[in-house]
N, C-alpha and C. Protein backbone atom coordinates (compact mmCIF):
# COMPACT_ATOMS: atom_id res chain seq x y z
N MET A 1 326.46 84.20 134.65
CA MET A 1 327.33 83.00 134.28
C MET A 1 327.31 82.02 135.41
N LYS A 2 327.04 80.88 135.16
CA LYS A 2 327.09 79.67 136.11
C LYS A 2 328.20 78.92 135.80
N LEU A 3 329.05 78.62 136.72
CA LEU A 3 330.25 77.74 136.43
C LEU A 3 330.02 76.42 137.21
N ALA A 4 330.52 75.37 136.62
CA ALA A 4 330.50 74.11 137.40
C ALA A 4 331.39 74.28 138.57
N SER A 5 330.80 73.69 139.82
CA SER A 5 331.51 73.74 141.05
C SER A 5 331.19 72.54 141.76
N GLU A 6 332.06 72.31 142.77
CA GLU A 6 331.85 71.19 143.66
C GLU A 6 332.38 71.62 145.02
N VAL A 7 331.61 71.06 146.05
CA VAL A 7 332.00 71.41 147.53
C VAL A 7 332.77 70.25 148.15
N PHE A 8 333.82 70.50 148.73
CA PHE A 8 334.55 69.59 149.57
C PHE A 8 334.76 70.15 151.06
N GLY A 9 333.71 69.86 151.84
CA GLY A 9 333.73 70.42 153.24
C GLY A 9 333.45 71.81 153.06
N ASN A 10 334.34 72.62 153.54
CA ASN A 10 334.20 74.13 153.57
C ASN A 10 334.74 74.83 152.36
N VAL A 11 335.29 74.00 151.40
CA VAL A 11 335.95 74.53 150.27
C VAL A 11 335.12 74.34 149.08
N VAL A 12 335.01 75.33 148.24
CA VAL A 12 334.25 75.18 146.93
C VAL A 12 335.35 75.21 145.76
N VAL A 13 335.30 74.11 144.88
CA VAL A 13 336.12 74.14 143.69
C VAL A 13 335.27 74.66 142.57
N VAL A 14 335.78 75.71 141.82
CA VAL A 14 335.04 76.23 140.73
C VAL A 14 335.89 75.95 139.51
N HIS A 15 335.25 75.50 138.48
CA HIS A 15 335.93 75.26 137.21
C HIS A 15 335.81 76.36 136.26
N ALA A 16 336.90 77.05 136.09
CA ALA A 16 336.85 78.29 135.09
C ALA A 16 336.50 77.98 133.73
N PRO A 17 335.94 78.97 133.01
CA PRO A 17 335.61 78.64 131.56
C PRO A 17 336.83 78.71 130.75
N LYS A 18 336.74 78.43 129.49
CA LYS A 18 337.83 78.23 128.53
C LYS A 18 338.48 79.71 128.41
N GLU A 19 337.86 80.63 128.58
CA GLU A 19 338.50 82.11 128.52
C GLU A 19 338.21 82.79 129.80
N VAL A 20 339.31 83.27 130.38
CA VAL A 20 339.17 84.24 131.54
C VAL A 20 339.87 85.46 131.04
N SER A 21 339.18 86.26 130.38
CA SER A 21 339.61 87.37 129.70
C SER A 21 338.74 88.64 130.00
N ASP A 22 338.97 89.69 129.20
CA ASP A 22 338.18 90.96 129.37
C ASP A 22 336.70 90.66 129.29
N ASP A 23 336.41 89.71 128.26
CA ASP A 23 334.97 89.45 127.87
C ASP A 23 334.37 88.63 129.07
N THR A 24 335.07 87.90 129.84
CA THR A 24 334.35 86.99 130.88
C THR A 24 334.84 87.34 132.32
N ALA A 25 335.85 88.14 132.53
CA ALA A 25 336.34 88.23 133.94
C ALA A 25 335.30 88.90 134.90
N ASP A 26 334.51 89.79 134.54
CA ASP A 26 333.43 90.34 135.31
C ASP A 26 332.43 89.29 135.68
N LEU A 27 332.12 88.43 134.75
CA LEU A 27 331.04 87.37 135.00
C LEU A 27 331.70 86.38 135.91
N VAL A 28 332.92 86.06 135.81
CA VAL A 28 333.54 85.11 136.67
C VAL A 28 333.59 85.63 138.18
N GLU A 29 333.91 86.89 138.25
CA GLU A 29 334.11 87.62 139.46
C GLU A 29 332.73 87.58 140.25
N ARG A 30 331.69 87.93 139.51
CA ARG A 30 330.29 88.01 140.00
C ARG A 30 329.87 86.68 140.64
N PHE A 31 330.15 85.59 139.75
CA PHE A 31 329.85 84.23 140.19
C PHE A 31 330.55 83.91 141.49
N LEU A 32 331.88 84.20 141.50
CA LEU A 32 332.63 83.86 142.71
C LEU A 32 332.18 84.62 143.94
N GLY A 33 331.64 85.83 143.74
CA GLY A 33 331.07 86.58 144.74
C GLY A 33 329.82 86.15 145.29
N THR A 34 329.16 85.30 144.56
CA THR A 34 327.85 84.78 145.13
C THR A 34 328.03 83.52 145.95
N LEU A 35 329.17 83.03 145.99
CA LEU A 35 329.34 81.78 146.70
C LEU A 35 329.27 81.95 148.20
N GLU A 36 328.66 80.97 149.04
CA GLU A 36 328.47 81.08 150.40
C GLU A 36 329.86 80.71 151.02
N GLN A 37 330.64 79.89 150.48
CA GLN A 37 331.87 79.41 151.00
C GLN A 37 333.02 80.59 150.79
N HIS A 38 333.83 80.69 151.77
CA HIS A 38 334.83 81.73 151.64
C HIS A 38 336.22 81.26 151.23
N ASP A 39 336.28 79.86 151.11
CA ASP A 39 337.61 79.22 150.69
C ASP A 39 337.31 78.63 149.31
N VAL A 40 338.05 79.19 148.33
CA VAL A 40 337.75 78.82 146.94
C VAL A 40 338.98 78.37 146.24
N VAL A 41 338.82 77.28 145.52
CA VAL A 41 339.96 76.75 144.57
C VAL A 41 339.27 77.04 143.26
N LEU A 42 340.10 77.89 142.32
CA LEU A 42 339.66 78.08 140.96
C LEU A 42 340.52 77.18 140.10
N ASP A 43 339.83 76.28 139.41
CA ASP A 43 340.48 75.20 138.60
C ASP A 43 340.75 75.86 137.11
N LEU A 44 341.91 76.03 136.85
CA LEU A 44 342.22 76.61 135.43
C LEU A 44 342.57 75.60 134.52
N ASP A 45 342.47 74.35 134.82
CA ASP A 45 342.84 73.21 133.81
C ASP A 45 342.28 73.34 132.47
N GLY A 46 340.92 73.79 132.32
CA GLY A 46 340.19 73.92 131.07
C GLY A 46 340.32 75.12 130.44
N THR A 47 341.14 76.11 131.05
CA THR A 47 341.28 77.54 130.68
C THR A 47 342.37 77.59 129.53
N GLU A 48 341.86 77.97 128.34
CA GLU A 48 342.85 78.14 127.27
C GLU A 48 343.36 79.64 126.94
N SER A 49 342.66 80.55 127.62
CA SER A 49 343.18 81.98 127.27
C SER A 49 343.00 82.64 128.64
N LEU A 50 344.04 83.36 129.05
CA LEU A 50 344.08 84.10 130.36
C LEU A 50 344.76 85.33 130.16
N ASP A 51 344.06 86.48 130.19
CA ASP A 51 344.68 87.74 129.91
C ASP A 51 344.74 88.60 131.12
N SER A 52 345.10 89.78 131.02
CA SER A 52 345.55 90.83 132.09
C SER A 52 344.16 91.04 132.91
N ALA A 53 343.12 91.20 132.16
CA ALA A 53 341.75 91.34 132.90
C ALA A 53 341.52 90.28 133.76
N GLY A 54 341.76 89.00 133.34
CA GLY A 54 341.44 87.81 134.10
C GLY A 54 342.44 87.76 135.13
N LEU A 55 343.76 88.07 135.04
CA LEU A 55 344.68 88.05 136.15
C LEU A 55 344.25 89.11 137.17
N SER A 56 343.88 90.22 136.78
CA SER A 56 343.49 91.21 137.70
C SER A 56 342.32 90.90 138.42
N MET A 57 341.35 90.27 137.88
CA MET A 57 340.20 89.77 138.61
C MET A 57 340.42 88.75 139.60
N LEU A 58 341.52 87.95 139.41
CA LEU A 58 341.91 86.88 140.44
C LEU A 58 342.47 87.66 141.62
N LEU A 59 343.24 88.72 141.45
CA LEU A 59 343.74 89.39 142.61
C LEU A 59 342.52 90.03 143.39
N ASP A 60 341.51 90.58 142.61
CA ASP A 60 340.39 91.25 143.23
C ASP A 60 339.69 90.16 144.11
N VAL A 61 339.42 89.02 143.53
CA VAL A 61 338.65 88.07 144.13
C VAL A 61 339.39 87.57 145.41
N GLN A 62 340.72 87.38 145.39
CA GLN A 62 341.40 86.96 146.46
C GLN A 62 341.38 88.10 147.54
N GLU A 63 341.41 89.31 147.31
CA GLU A 63 341.17 90.35 148.28
C GLU A 63 339.91 90.42 148.96
N SER A 64 338.92 90.20 148.11
CA SER A 64 337.39 90.11 148.59
C SER A 64 337.31 88.94 149.52
N LEU A 65 337.81 87.77 149.12
CA LEU A 65 337.65 86.63 149.92
C LEU A 65 338.37 86.76 151.32
N ARG A 66 339.56 87.32 151.24
CA ARG A 66 340.39 87.59 152.49
C ARG A 66 339.70 88.50 153.51
N GLU A 67 338.89 89.50 152.85
CA GLU A 67 338.12 90.38 153.73
C GLU A 67 337.13 89.67 154.52
N ARG A 68 336.61 88.50 153.93
CA ARG A 68 335.61 87.71 154.46
C ARG A 68 336.13 86.41 155.25
N ASN A 69 337.53 86.52 155.60
CA ASN A 69 338.30 85.45 156.26
C ASN A 69 338.39 84.17 155.47
N GLY A 70 338.39 84.25 154.12
CA GLY A 70 338.61 83.24 153.29
C GLY A 70 339.87 83.35 152.49
N ASP A 71 339.91 82.59 151.37
CA ASP A 71 341.15 82.76 150.48
C ASP A 71 340.86 81.99 149.23
N LEU A 72 341.63 82.38 148.23
CA LEU A 72 341.46 81.89 146.89
C LEU A 72 342.81 81.24 146.47
N LYS A 73 342.69 79.97 146.06
CA LYS A 73 343.85 79.27 145.49
C LYS A 73 343.68 78.70 144.11
N ILE A 74 344.65 78.75 143.41
CA ILE A 74 344.60 78.46 141.87
C ILE A 74 345.06 77.00 141.72
N CYS A 75 344.35 76.22 140.76
CA CYS A 75 344.87 74.92 140.47
C CYS A 75 344.96 74.95 138.86
N SER A 76 346.20 74.49 138.44
CA SER A 76 346.43 74.37 137.08
C SER A 76 347.59 73.45 136.74
N SER A 77 347.35 72.32 135.97
CA SER A 77 348.49 71.62 135.62
C SER A 77 349.02 71.95 134.17
N ASN A 78 348.25 72.98 133.62
CA ASN A 78 348.50 73.63 132.36
C ASN A 78 349.81 74.34 132.36
N ASP A 79 350.82 74.00 131.69
CA ASP A 79 352.10 74.60 131.89
C ASP A 79 352.02 76.00 131.30
N THR A 80 351.25 76.20 130.30
CA THR A 80 351.13 77.62 129.69
C THR A 80 350.63 78.54 130.73
N ASN A 81 349.47 78.18 131.37
CA ASN A 81 348.86 78.98 132.38
C ASN A 81 349.93 79.25 133.63
N ARG A 82 350.65 78.17 133.93
CA ARG A 82 351.56 78.37 135.11
C ARG A 82 352.69 79.45 134.61
N LYS A 83 353.12 79.33 133.44
CA LYS A 83 354.20 80.16 132.92
C LYS A 83 353.56 81.62 132.98
N ILE A 84 352.41 81.89 132.68
CA ILE A 84 351.69 83.28 132.77
C ILE A 84 351.82 83.73 134.10
N PHE A 85 351.62 82.86 135.20
CA PHE A 85 351.70 83.42 136.53
C PHE A 85 353.20 83.72 136.96
N GLU A 86 354.09 82.92 136.34
CA GLU A 86 355.58 83.18 136.62
C GLU A 86 356.03 84.43 136.03
N ILE A 87 355.70 84.58 134.84
CA ILE A 87 356.22 85.76 134.06
C ILE A 87 355.49 87.08 134.70
N THR A 88 354.39 87.11 135.16
CA THR A 88 353.65 88.17 135.65
C THR A 88 353.94 88.36 137.14
N ARG A 89 354.66 87.26 137.70
CA ARG A 89 355.10 87.22 139.15
C ARG A 89 353.82 87.08 140.04
N LEU A 90 352.70 86.78 139.40
CA LEU A 90 351.40 86.53 140.33
C LEU A 90 351.59 85.25 141.09
N ASP A 91 352.57 84.41 140.76
CA ASP A 91 352.70 83.22 141.51
C ASP A 91 353.32 83.57 142.94
N GLU A 92 353.73 84.88 143.07
CA GLU A 92 354.19 85.23 144.36
C GLU A 92 352.97 85.81 145.24
N HIS A 93 351.93 85.97 144.66
CA HIS A 93 350.70 86.61 145.32
C HIS A 93 349.60 85.56 145.33
N LEU A 94 349.51 84.59 144.54
CA LEU A 94 348.38 83.59 144.54
C LEU A 94 349.13 82.23 144.71
N GLU A 95 348.51 81.46 145.52
CA GLU A 95 348.97 80.12 145.73
C GLU A 95 348.56 79.22 144.59
N LEU A 96 349.50 78.50 143.89
CA LEU A 96 349.32 77.66 142.69
C LEU A 96 349.55 76.25 143.07
N TYR A 97 348.64 75.40 142.66
CA TYR A 97 348.69 73.89 142.85
C TYR A 97 348.54 73.14 141.55
N ARG A 98 349.02 72.09 141.50
CA ARG A 98 349.07 71.25 140.19
C ARG A 98 347.81 70.44 140.20
N SER A 99 347.22 70.13 141.33
CA SER A 99 345.87 69.33 141.35
C SER A 99 344.84 69.92 142.35
N VAL A 100 343.66 69.62 142.02
CA VAL A 100 342.53 70.16 142.78
C VAL A 100 342.77 69.52 144.22
N LEU A 101 342.95 68.35 144.30
CA LEU A 101 343.24 67.69 145.68
C LEU A 101 344.21 68.41 146.46
N GLU A 102 345.28 68.70 145.91
CA GLU A 102 346.39 69.45 146.56
C GLU A 102 345.93 70.83 147.11
N ALA A 103 345.19 71.49 146.32
CA ALA A 103 344.61 72.81 146.57
C ALA A 103 343.67 72.78 147.76
N VAL A 104 342.72 71.78 147.49
CA VAL A 104 341.70 71.62 148.63
C VAL A 104 342.37 71.30 149.94
N LYS A 105 343.40 70.36 149.94
CA LYS A 105 344.12 69.91 151.25
C LYS A 105 344.84 71.06 151.87
N SER A 106 345.22 72.05 151.05
CA SER A 106 345.98 73.09 151.57
C SER A 106 345.25 74.03 152.57
N PHE A 107 343.90 73.92 152.54
CA PHE A 107 343.01 74.77 153.38
C PHE A 107 342.99 74.06 154.76
N ALA A 108 343.42 72.85 154.92
CA ALA A 108 343.34 72.19 156.22
C ALA A 108 344.29 72.58 157.34
């Protein structure tokens, strides 16, 4: 799976697919694992479906990036997605931002 991405300095912004679920989580994780940059912003604005497999994948990617001295930050202005992070308490483990610009700047 190839995902749209942009590079801002040492940070890569990856635009997640419409579904981050059991069917796509492994593919997204593999794509994120191929990135040369170790600081990643995953943009979930276009994501309409986010399930437990997708959430688990995000934690796995974060752990992998941190082992390489990087980090994962999540961007979503979608209130439904943000509520999922709050209900599952993943907002306590993953940094959430409302805009890509805020998330990229947080690496400075």
